[in-house]
Amino acid sequence: MSTVVAPSAAALKVPGFWRRALHHRSFVIGGVLTLLLLLAAALSLVWTPWSPYEMDMANKLKPPTGSHWLGTDTYGRDVASLLLVGARASILVGVIAVGIGLVVGTALGLLAAAKRGWVEEAIMRLTDFSLAFPAILSAIMMTAVFGAGIVNAIVAIGIYNIPTFARITRASANAIWSREYIAAARACGKGSFSITMQHVLPNISAVLIVQITIRFAIAILAEAALSYLGLGTQPPQPSWGRMLSEAQTMMFQSPLLAVFPGMAIAMAVLGLNLLGDGLRDLLDPRLARAR
């Protein structure tokens, strides 16, 4: 008896993905903004206009000039350099925190869909319990025990992402498990693990990719909020959220100090959300054919 192979996510795509992607406004705008975020972080690894850690109190609160393109902050540090290096913290937190949620949450969701019964019920109730502790509340509790820091912020945001990935994975996987080719695979003697890895996971990959971009944007917002509260990235490491916190006392003397990091956070989140919307449209075969 021949082995039944389920259609993969790639096989469901309409041909000419990149041709359609380049004509999709949300995907293009989101991709450009996300690429700018990545380039800023990469550039800061090799070059910044000034040292983001060097204070110059004699030149504090300077407006944008030829030497300081975006001016200086309350400690005389170059704002442009702080923004570039701050992008690294946002990406670091986003990648690790979303990675934690993706790996753990996807595994739990796949297990719930494969086993059903009391296993599924236990996992779903566990995710319900996790949702009672949002990222900021989890970070506050962890800070009380272990102290403030970027590691605790990453763990808190990662735990916050787990139930979301678990629920989405379980719902998507349940739809795949009800298909005829899954029954045929069972008839061929395949076990739950083999079916999950060969048929279920590839067919829900598009949903997970879209969710990654959305959760990445939320992770950047959460990191900025935690740093603003003093629970995230700690001095002297630059952070967009802490730049906003330091700027709030200087709103009348130098309002641009709050504008620049605020715009950086807004553009990063907007870019990732638009990229996720574009990917959702492009990876959905029904929407792709309609276009």
C-alpha atoms as a PDB file:
ATOM      1  CA  MET A   1       0.000   0.000   0.000  1.00  0.00           C
ATOM      2  CA  SER A   2       1.435   3.374  -0.973  1.00  0.00           C
ATOM      3  CA  THR A   3       1.947   6.091   1.609  1.00  0.00           C
ATOM      4  CA  VAL A   4      -0.481   8.990   1.476  1.00  0.00           C
ATOM      5  CA  VAL A   5       1.258  12.360   1.480  1.00  0.00           C
ATOM      6  CA  ALA A   6      -0.696  15.398   2.637  1.00  0.00           C
ATOM      7  CA  PRO A   7      -0.507  18.546   0.531  1.00  0.00           C
ATOM      8  CA  SER A   8       2.030  20.878   2.070  1.00  0.00           C
ATOM      9  CA  ALA A   9       1.493  24.578   2.645  1.00  0.00           C
ATOM     10  CA  ALA A  10       3.810  25.306  -0.276  1.00  0.00           C
ATOM     11  CA  ALA A  11       1.723  23.167  -2.618  1.00  0.00           C
ATOM     12  CA  LEU A  12      -1.390  25.154  -1.740  1.00  0.00           C
ATOM     13  CA  LYS A  13       0.170  28.464  -2.706  1.00  0.00           C
ATOM     14  CA  VAL A  14      -0.753  30.115  -5.944  1.00  0.00           C
ATOM     15  CA  PRO A  15       2.289  30.326  -8.284  1.00  0.00           C
ATOM     16  CA  GLY A  16       4.167  33.619  -8.483  1.00  0.00           C
ATOM     17  CA  PHE A  17       4.347  34.400  -4.768  1.00  0.00           C
ATOM     18  CA  TRP A  18       6.947  37.158  -5.063  1.00  0.00           C
ATOM     19  CA  ARG A  19       5.218  38.702  -8.054  1.00  0.00           C
ATOM     20  CA  ARG A  20       2.022  38.981  -6.037  1.00  0.00           C
ATOM     21  CA  ALA A  21       3.913  40.082  -2.932  1.00  0.00           C
ATOM     22  CA  LEU A  22       5.516  43.025  -4.735  1.00  0.00           C
ATOM     23  CA  HIS A  23       2.043  44.242  -5.716  1.00  0.00           C
ATOM     24  CA  HIS A  24       0.624  43.865  -2.205  1.00  0.00           C
ATOM     25  CA  ARG A  25       0.708  47.278  -0.554  1.00  0.00           C
ATOM     26  CA  SER A  26       0.661  46.102   3.084  1.00  0.00           C
ATOM     27  CA  PHE A  27       3.380  43.530   2.480  1.00  0.00           C
ATOM     28  CA  VAL A  28       5.659  46.013   0.701  1.00  0.00           C
ATOM     29  CA  ILE A  29       5.255  48.813   3.262  1.00  0.00           C
ATOM     30  CA  GLY A  30       5.566  46.414   6.190  1.00  0.00           C
ATOM     31  CA  GLY A  31       8.578  44.712   4.629  1.00  0.00           C
ATOM     32  CA  VAL A  32      10.355  48.039   4.072  1.00  0.00           C
ATOM     33  CA  LEU A  33       9.737  49.235   7.644  1.00  0.00           C
ATOM     34  CA  THR A  34      10.812  45.883   9.095  1.00  0.00           C
ATOM     35  CA  LEU A  35      13.929  45.881   6.919  1.00  0.00           C
ATOM     36  CA  LEU A  36      14.806  49.371   8.176  1.00  0.00           C
ATOM     37  CA  LEU A  37      14.529  48.094  11.763  1.00  0.00           C
ATOM     38  CA  LEU A  38      16.849  45.194  11.013  1.00  0.00           C
ATOM     39  CA  LEU A  39      19.314  47.415   9.149  1.00  0.00           C
ATOM     40  CA  ALA A  40      19.410  49.901  12.037  1.00  0.00           C
ATOM     41  CA  ALA A  41      20.217  47.130  14.494  1.00  0.00           C
ATOM     42  CA  ALA A  42      22.837  45.626  12.167  1.00  0.00           C
ATOM     43  CA  LEU A  43      24.438  49.027  11.521  1.00  0.00           C
ATOM     44  CA  SER A  44      24.748  49.710  15.253  1.00  0.00           C
ATOM     45  CA  LEU A  45      26.941  46.625  15.580  1.00  0.00           C
ATOM     46  CA  VAL A  46      29.675  48.213  13.463  1.00  0.00           C
ATOM     47  CA  TRP A  47      29.037  51.977  13.525  1.00  0.00           C
ATOM     48  CA  THR A  48      27.203  54.722  15.380  1.00  0.00           C
ATOM     49  CA  PRO A  49      27.626  58.524  14.934  1.00  0.00           C
ATOM     50  CA  TRP A  50      28.742  58.813  18.570  1.00  0.00           C
ATOM     51  CA  SER A  51      29.250  56.451  21.456  1.00  0.00           C
ATOM     52  CA  PRO A  52      25.815  55.768  22.998  1.00  0.00           C
ATOM     53  CA  TYR A  53      27.457  55.397  26.418  1.00  0.00           C
ATOM     54  CA  GLU A  54      29.521  58.607  26.430  1.00  0.00           C
ATOM     55  CA  MET A  55      28.029  61.491  28.439  1.00  0.00           C
ATOM     56  CA  ASP A  56      28.718  65.138  27.623  1.00  0.00           C
ATOM     57  CA  MET A  57      26.880  67.313  30.134  1.00  0.00           C
ATOM     58  CA  ALA A  58      28.185  70.487  28.494  1.00  0.00           C
ATOM     59  CA  ASN A  59      26.146  69.645  25.359  1.00  0.00           C
ATOM     60  CA  LYS A  60      22.991  68.226  26.901  1.00  0.00           C
ATOM     61  CA  LEU A  61      19.538  68.907  25.383  1.00  0.00           C
ATOM     62  CA  LYS A  62      21.016  70.221  22.146  1.00  0.00           C
ATOM     63  CA  PRO A  63      18.633  70.466  19.149  1.00  0.00           C
ATOM     64  CA  PRO A  64      19.410  68.560  15.932  1.00  0.00           C
ATOM     65  CA  THR A  65      22.635  69.832  14.352  1.00  0.00           C
ATOM     66  CA  GLY A  66      25.145  68.716  11.756  1.00  0.00           C
ATOM     67  CA  SER A  67      27.188  66.875  14.380  1.00  0.00           C
ATOM     68  CA  HIS A  68      24.227  65.498  16.362  1.00  0.00           C
ATOM     69  CA  TRP A  69      21.598  64.683  13.736  1.00  0.00           C
ATOM     70  CA  LEU A  70      18.747  64.178  16.224  1.00  0.00           C
ATOM     71  CA  GLY A  71      20.169  66.249  19.066  1.00  0.00           C
ATOM     72  CA  THR A  72      21.338  65.125  22.510  1.00  0.00           C
ATOM     73  CA  ASP A  73      19.512  63.877  25.607  1.00  0.00           C
ATOM     74  CA  THR A  74      19.603  64.975  29.238  1.00  0.00           C
ATOM     75  CA  TYR A  75      23.079  63.452  29.658  1.00  0.00           C
ATOM     76  CA  GLY A  76      24.529  64.835  26.436  1.00  0.00           C
ATOM     77  CA  ARG A  77      24.372  61.487  24.627  1.00  0.00           C
ATOM     78  CA  ASP A  78      23.673  61.408  20.909  1.00  0.00           C
ATOM     79  CA  VAL A  79      20.002  60.537  20.317  1.00  0.00           C
ATOM     80  CA  ALA A  80      20.616  58.985  16.884  1.00  0.00           C
ATOM     81  CA  SER A  81      23.184  56.614  18.374  1.00  0.00           C
ATOM     82  CA  LEU A  82      20.816  55.688  21.207  1.00  0.00           C
ATOM     83  CA  LEU A  83      18.049  54.878  18.698  1.00  0.00           C
ATOM     84  CA  LEU A  84      20.328  52.676  16.605  1.00  0.00           C
ATOM     85  CA  VAL A  85      21.602  50.684  19.582  1.00  0.00           C
ATOM     86  CA  GLY A  86      18.112  50.586  21.123  1.00  0.00           C
ATOM     87  CA  ALA A  87      16.889  48.722  18.041  1.00  0.00           C
ATOM     88  CA  ARG A  88      19.170  45.840  19.031  1.00  0.00           C
ATOM     89  CA  ALA A  89      17.437  45.464  22.399  1.00  0.00           C
ATOM     90  CA  SER A  90      14.005  45.435  20.764  1.00  0.00           C
ATOM     91  CA  ILE A  91      15.021  42.764  18.251  1.00  0.00           C
ATOM     92  CA  LEU A  92      16.813  40.667  20.880  1.00  0.00           C
ATOM     93  CA  VAL A  93      13.791  40.639  23.168  1.00  0.00           C
ATOM     94  CA  GLY A  94      11.431  40.001  20.252  1.00  0.00           C
ATOM     95  CA  VAL A  95      13.395  37.097  18.794  1.00  0.00           C
ATOM     96  CA  ILE A  96      13.990  35.239  22.067  1.00  0.00           C
ATOM     97  CA  ALA A  97      10.576  35.936  23.627  1.00  0.00           C
ATOM     98  CA  VAL A  98       8.666  34.979  20.475  1.00  0.00           C
ATOM     99  CA  GLY A  99      10.959  31.960  20.080  1.00  0.00           C
ATOM    100  CA  ILE A 100      10.011  30.776  23.576  1.00  0.00           C
ATOM    101  CA  GLY A 101       6.326  31.195  22.836  1.00  0.00           C
ATOM    102  CA  LEU A 102       6.635  29.558  19.415  1.00  0.00           C
ATOM    103  CA  VAL A 103       8.540  26.458  20.543  1.00  0.00           C
ATOM    104  CA  VAL A 104       6.667  25.771  23.788  1.00  0.00           C
ATOM    105  CA  GLY A 105       3.248  26.949  22.635  1.00  0.00           C
ATOM    106  CA  THR A 106       3.374  25.100  19.309  1.00  0.00           C
ATOM    107  CA  ALA A 107       4.466  21.889  21.041  1.00  0.00           C
ATOM    108  CA  LEU A 108       1.612  22.141  23.524  1.00  0.00           C
ATOM    109  CA  GLY A 109      -0.917  22.929  20.790  1.00  0.00           C
ATOM    110  CA  LEU A 110       0.203  20.008  18.637  1.00  0.00           C
ATOM    111  CA  LEU A 111       0.093  17.667  21.637  1.00  0.00           C
ATOM    112  CA  ALA A 112      -3.426  18.820  22.544  1.00  0.00           C
ATOM    113  CA  ALA A 113      -4.672  18.278  18.980  1.00  0.00           C
ATOM    114  CA  ALA A 114      -3.020  14.863  18.664  1.00  0.00           C
ATOM    115  CA  LYS A 115      -4.067  13.392  22.029  1.00  0.00           C
ATOM    116  CA  ARG A 116      -7.439  15.095  22.616  1.00  0.00           C
ATOM    117  CA  GLY A 117      -9.406  14.037  25.704  1.00  0.00           C
ATOM    118  CA  TRP A 118      -8.064  14.927  29.131  1.00  0.00           C
ATOM    119  CA  VAL A 119      -4.655  15.914  27.704  1.00  0.00           C
ATOM    120  CA  GLU A 120      -6.225  18.597  25.509  1.00  0.00           C
ATOM    121  CA  GLU A 121      -8.427  19.785  28.357  1.00  0.00           C
ATOM    122  CA  ALA A 122      -5.463  20.054  30.758  1.00  0.00           C
ATOM    123  CA  ILE A 123      -3.353  22.004  28.256  1.00  0.00           C
ATOM    124  CA  MET A 124      -6.182  24.410  27.444  1.00  0.00           C
ATOM    125  CA  ARG A 125      -6.884  25.065  31.123  1.00  0.00           C
ATOM    126  CA  LEU A 126      -3.175  25.668  31.673  1.00  0.00           C
ATOM    127  CA  THR A 127      -3.164  28.263  28.886  1.00  0.00           C
ATOM    128  CA  ASP A 128      -6.254  29.890  30.422  1.00  0.00           C
ATOM    129  CA  PHE A 129      -4.368  30.170  33.707  1.00  0.00           C
ATOM    130  CA  SER A 130      -1.324  31.676  31.924  1.00  0.00           C
ATOM    131  CA  LEU A 131      -3.493  34.362  30.312  1.00  0.00           C
ATOM    132  CA  ALA A 132      -4.254  35.693  33.809  1.00  0.00           C
ATOM    133  CA  PHE A 133      -0.631  36.873  34.037  1.00  0.00           C
ATOM    134  CA  PRO A 134       0.167  39.390  31.261  1.00  0.00           C
ATOM    135  CA  ALA A 135       3.754  40.296  30.432  1.00  0.00           C
ATOM    136  CA  ILE A 136       3.956  43.407  32.619  1.00  0.00           C
ATOM    137  CA  LEU A 137       2.405  41.693  35.657  1.00  0.00           C
ATOM    138  CA  SER A 138       4.698  38.676  35.205  1.00  0.00           C
ATOM    139  CA  ALA A 139       7.722  40.981  34.944  1.00  0.00           C
ATOM    140  CA  ILE A 140       6.723  42.801  38.130  1.00  0.00           C
ATOM    141  CA  MET A 141       6.463  39.506  40.009  1.00  0.00           C
ATOM    142  CA  MET A 142       9.780  38.257  38.617  1.00  0.00           C
ATOM    143  CA  THR A 143      11.432  41.584  39.432  1.00  0.00           C
ATOM    144  CA  ALA A 144      10.278  41.303  43.041  1.00  0.00           C
ATOM    145  CA  VAL A 145      12.011  37.918  43.281  1.00  0.00           C
ATOM    146  CA  PHE A 146      15.020  38.107  40.959  1.00  0.00           C
ATOM    147  CA  GLY A 147      15.487  41.856  40.330  1.00  0.00           C
ATOM    148  CA  ALA A 148      14.958  43.999  37.228  1.00  0.00           C
ATOM    149  CA  GLY A 149      16.735  43.116  33.992  1.00  0.00           C
ATOM    150  CA  ILE A 150      16.351  42.263  30.337  1.00  0.00           C
ATOM    151  CA  VAL A 151      16.510  38.499  31.017  1.00  0.00           C
ATOM    152  CA  ASN A 152      13.480  38.632  33.302  1.00  0.00           C
ATOM    153  CA  ALA A 153      11.662  40.789  30.742  1.00  0.00           C
ATOM    154  CA  ILE A 154      12.373  38.249  27.998  1.00  0.00           C
ATOM    155  CA  VAL A 155      11.142  35.355  30.149  1.00  0.00           C
ATOM    156  CA  ALA A 156       7.986  37.246  31.126  1.00  0.00           C
ATOM    157  CA  ILE A 157       7.143  38.169  27.527  1.00  0.00           C
ATOM    158  CA  GLY A 158       7.976  34.642  26.377  1.00  0.00           C
ATOM    159  CA  ILE A 159       5.608  33.104  28.939  1.00  0.00           C
ATOM    160  CA  TYR A 160       2.938  35.566  27.820  1.00  0.00           C
ATOM    161  CA  ASN A 161       3.308  34.320  24.214  1.00  0.00           C
ATOM    162  CA  ILE A 162       2.971  30.615  25.029  1.00  0.00           C
ATOM    163  CA  PRO A 163      -0.845  30.429  25.446  1.00  0.00           C
ATOM    164  CA  THR A 164      -1.431  32.389  22.244  1.00  0.00           C
ATOM    165  CA  PHE A 165       0.676  30.039  20.134  1.00  0.00           C
ATOM    166  CA  ALA A 166      -0.807  27.007  21.919  1.00  0.00           C
ATOM    167  CA  ARG A 167      -4.390  28.048  21.187  1.00  0.00           C
ATOM    168  CA  ILE A 168      -3.757  28.970  17.564  1.00  0.00           C
ATOM    169  CA  THR A 169      -1.770  25.792  16.932  1.00  0.00           C
ATOM    170  CA  ARG A 170      -4.392  23.598  18.539  1.00  0.00           C
ATOM    171  CA  ALA A 171      -7.263  25.176  16.568  1.00  0.00           C
ATOM    172  CA  SER A 172      -5.393  24.955  13.254  1.00  0.00           C
ATOM    173  CA  ALA A 173      -4.172  21.412  13.943  1.00  0.00           C
ATOM    174  CA  ASN A 174      -7.664  20.205  14.853  1.00  0.00           C
ATOM    175  CA  ALA A 175      -8.872  21.339  11.424  1.00  0.00           C
ATOM    176  CA  ILE A 176      -6.091  19.318   9.769  1.00  0.00           C
ATOM    177  CA  TRP A 177      -6.747  16.206  11.880  1.00  0.00           C
ATOM    178  CA  SER A 178     -10.314  16.082  10.527  1.00  0.00           C
ATOM    179  CA  ARG A 179      -9.150  15.807   6.901  1.00  0.00           C
ATOM    180  CA  GLU A 180      -9.502  12.628   4.863  1.00  0.00           C
ATOM    181  CA  TYR A 181      -5.787  12.280   4.142  1.00  0.00           C
ATOM    182  CA  ILE A 182      -5.109  12.081   7.888  1.00  0.00           C
ATOM    183  CA  ALA A 183      -7.484   9.108   8.108  1.00  0.00           C
ATOM    184  CA  ALA A 184      -5.681   7.576   5.128  1.00  0.00           C
ATOM    185  CA  ALA A 185      -2.320   8.133   6.842  1.00  0.00           C
ATOM    186  CA  ARG A 186      -3.647   6.365   9.945  1.00  0.00           C
ATOM    187  CA  ALA A 187      -4.787   3.471   7.761  1.00  0.00           C
ATOM    188  CA  CYS A 188      -1.225   3.226   6.434  1.00  0.00           C
ATOM    189  CA  GLY A 189      -0.024   2.577   9.969  1.00  0.00           C
ATOM    190  CA  LYS A 190       1.422   5.988  10.827  1.00  0.00           C
ATOM    191  CA  GLY A 191       1.420   7.057  14.469  1.00  0.00           C
ATOM    192  CA  SER A 192       0.354  10.380  15.948  1.00  0.00           C
ATOM    193  CA  PHE A 193       3.891  11.762  16.105  1.00  0.00           C
ATOM    194  CA  SER A 194       4.648  10.864  12.496  1.00  0.00           C
ATOM    195  CA  ILE A 195       1.370  12.357  11.257  1.00  0.00           C
ATOM    196  CA  THR A 196       1.948  15.514  13.298  1.00  0.00           C
ATOM    197  CA  MET A 197       5.436  16.115  11.932  1.00  0.00           C
ATOM    198  CA  GLN A 198       4.811  15.070   8.326  1.00  0.00           C
ATOM    199  CA  HIS A 199       1.275  16.309   7.704  1.00  0.00           C
ATOM    200  CA  VAL A 200      -0.075  18.581  10.444  1.00  0.00           C
ATOM    201  CA  LEU A 201       2.865  20.902  11.175  1.00  0.00           C
ATOM    202  CA  PRO A 202       3.688  21.683   7.509  1.00  0.00           C
ATOM    203  CA  ASN A 203       0.058  22.565   6.836  1.00  0.00           C
ATOM    204  CA  ILE A 204      -0.222  25.041   9.725  1.00  0.00           C
ATOM    205  CA  SER A 205       3.170  26.686   9.101  1.00  0.00           C
ATOM    206  CA  ALA A 206       1.601  29.614   7.227  1.00  0.00           C
ATOM    207  CA  VAL A 207      -0.615  30.423  10.218  1.00  0.00           C
ATOM    208  CA  LEU A 208       2.386  30.291  12.559  1.00  0.00           C
ATOM    209  CA  ILE A 209       4.481  32.548  10.295  1.00  0.00           C
ATOM    210  CA  VAL A 210       1.796  35.224  10.334  1.00  0.00           C
ATOM    211  CA  GLN A 211       1.425  34.922  14.098  1.00  0.00           C
ATOM    212  CA  ILE A 212       5.192  35.301  14.587  1.00  0.00           C
ATOM    213  CA  THR A 213       5.175  38.758  12.979  1.00  0.00           C
ATOM    214  CA  ILE A 214       2.207  39.861  15.071  1.00  0.00           C
ATOM    215  CA  ARG A 215       3.678  38.600  18.339  1.00  0.00           C
ATOM    216  CA  PHE A 216       7.025  40.171  17.445  1.00  0.00           C
ATOM    217  CA  ALA A 217       5.320  43.571  17.271  1.00  0.00           C
ATOM    218  CA  ILE A 218       3.623  42.960  20.624  1.00  0.00           C
ATOM    219  CA  ALA A 219       6.965  41.900  22.136  1.00  0.00           C
ATOM    220  CA  ILE A 220       8.559  45.198  21.045  1.00  0.00           C
ATOM    221  CA  LEU A 221       5.708  47.119  22.683  1.00  0.00           C
ATOM    222  CA  ALA A 222       5.982  45.027  25.839  1.00  0.00           C
ATOM    223  CA  GLU A 223       9.751  45.545  26.040  1.00  0.00           C
ATOM    224  CA  ALA A 224       9.318  49.290  25.614  1.00  0.00           C
ATOM    225  CA  ALA A 225       6.633  49.349  28.330  1.00  0.00           C
ATOM    226  CA  LEU A 226       8.760  47.329  30.751  1.00  0.00           C
ATOM    227  CA  SER A 227      11.821  49.487  30.106  1.00  0.00           C
ATOM    228  CA  TYR A 228       9.678  52.592  30.589  1.00  0.00           C
ATOM    229  CA  LEU A 229       8.712  51.248  34.026  1.00  0.00           C
ATOM    230  CA  GLY A 230      12.337  50.405  34.811  1.00  0.00           C
ATOM    231  CA  LEU A 231      11.760  46.640  34.682  1.00  0.00           C
ATOM    232  CA  GLY A 232      13.331  45.867  31.304  1.00  0.00           C
ATOM    233  CA  THR A 233      16.659  46.874  29.764  1.00  0.00           C
ATOM    234  CA  GLN A 234      18.857  48.447  32.434  1.00  0.00           C
ATOM    235  CA  PRO A 235      21.374  51.333  32.148  1.00  0.00           C
ATOM    236  CA  PRO A 236      23.720  51.915  30.489  1.00  0.00           C
ATOM    237  CA  GLN A 237      22.253  49.757  27.686  1.00  0.00           C
ATOM    238  CA  PRO A 238      20.063  52.006  25.489  1.00  0.00           C
ATOM    239  CA  SER A 239      16.369  51.185  25.136  1.00  0.00           C
ATOM    240  CA  TRP A 240      13.560  52.983  23.333  1.00  0.00           C
ATOM    241  CA  GLY A 241      11.248  52.570  26.324  1.00  0.00           C
ATOM    242  CA  ARG A 242      13.757  54.048  28.772  1.00  0.00           C
ATOM    243  CA  MET A 243      14.426  56.926  26.366  1.00  0.00           C
ATOM    244  CA  LEU A 244      10.708  57.749  26.621  1.00  0.00           C
ATOM    245  CA  SER A 245      10.858  57.488  30.402  1.00  0.00           C
ATOM    246  CA  GLU A 246      13.828  59.858  30.597  1.00  0.00           C
ATOM    247  CA  ALA A 247      12.186  62.288  28.163  1.00  0.00           C
ATOM    248  CA  GLN A 248       8.928  62.685  30.090  1.00  0.00           C
ATOM    249  CA  THR A 249      10.469  65.172  32.532  1.00  0.00           C
ATOM    250  CA  MET A 250      11.807  67.279  29.643  1.00  0.00           C
ATOM    251  CA  MET A 251       8.660  67.577  27.540  1.00  0.00           C
ATOM    252  CA  PHE A 252       8.647  71.396  27.658  1.00  0.00           C
ATOM    253  CA  GLN A 253      12.402  71.942  27.370  1.00  0.00           C
ATOM    254  CA  SER A 254      13.012  69.390  24.600  1.00  0.00           C
ATOM    255  CA  PRO A 255       9.859  67.658  23.265  1.00  0.00           C
ATOM    256  CA  LEU A 256      11.826  65.951  20.470  1.00  0.00           C
ATOM    257  CA  LEU A 257      13.391  63.637  23.042  1.00  0.00           C
ATOM    258  CA  ALA A 258      10.040  61.844  23.283  1.00  0.00           C
ATOM    259  CA  VAL A 259       9.141  62.158  19.603  1.00  0.00           C
ATOM    260  CA  PHE A 260      12.089  60.217  18.178  1.00  0.00           C
ATOM    261  CA  PRO A 261      11.861  57.027  20.310  1.00  0.00           C
ATOM    262  CA  GLY A 262       8.077  57.162  20.088  1.00  0.00           C
ATOM    263  CA  MET A 263       8.281  57.273  16.293  1.00  0.00           C
ATOM    264  CA  ALA A 264      10.795  54.415  16.291  1.00  0.00           C
ATOM    265  CA  ILE A 265       8.464  52.195  18.342  1.00  0.00           C
ATOM    266  CA  ALA A 266       5.445  53.155  16.231  1.00  0.00           C
ATOM    267  CA  MET A 267       7.222  52.487  12.915  1.00  0.00           C
ATOM    268  CA  ALA A 268       8.577  49.131  14.087  1.00  0.00           C
ATOM    269  CA  VAL A 269       5.196  47.939  15.348  1.00  0.00           C
ATOM    270  CA  LEU A 270       3.372  49.291  12.283  1.00  0.00           C
ATOM    271  CA  GLY A 271       5.834  47.611   9.937  1.00  0.00           C
ATOM    272  CA  LEU A 272       5.515  44.210  11.610  1.00  0.00           C
ATOM    273  CA  ASN A 273       1.712  44.418  11.722  1.00  0.00           C
ATOM    274  CA  LEU A 274       1.498  45.371   8.040  1.00  0.00           C
ATOM    275  CA  LEU A 275       3.945  42.588   7.171  1.00  0.00           C
ATOM    276  CA  GLY A 276       1.779  40.113   9.090  1.00  0.00           C
ATOM    277  CA  ASP A 277      -1.380  41.305   7.307  1.00  0.00           C
ATOM    278  CA  GLY A 278       0.350  40.968   3.955  1.00  0.00           C
ATOM    279  CA  LEU A 279       1.627  37.477   4.722  1.00  0.00           C
ATOM    280  CA  ARG A 280      -1.835  36.417   5.861  1.00  0.00           C
ATOM    281  CA  ASP A 281      -3.320  37.489   2.521  1.00  0.00           C
ATOM    282  CA  LEU A 282      -0.506  35.994   0.449  1.00  0.00           C
ATOM    283  CA  LEU A 283      -0.279  32.652   2.266  1.00  0.00           C
ATOM    284  CA  ASP A 284      -4.033  32.026   2.329  1.00  0.00           C
ATOM    285  CA  PRO A 285      -4.818  30.148  -0.913  1.00  0.00           C
ATOM    286  CA  ARG A 286      -8.396  31.430  -1.022  1.00  0.00           C
ATOM    287  CA  LEU A 287      -7.390  35.071  -0.650  1.00  0.00           C
ATOM    288  CA  ALA A 288      -4.477  34.586  -3.067  1.00  0.00           C
ATOM    289  CA  ARG A 289      -6.747  33.192  -5.771  1.00  0.00           C
ATOM    290  CA  ALA A 290      -9.275  35.969  -5.189  1.00  0.00           C
ATOM    291  CA  ARG A 291      -6.583  38.538  -5.824  1.00  0.00           C
END
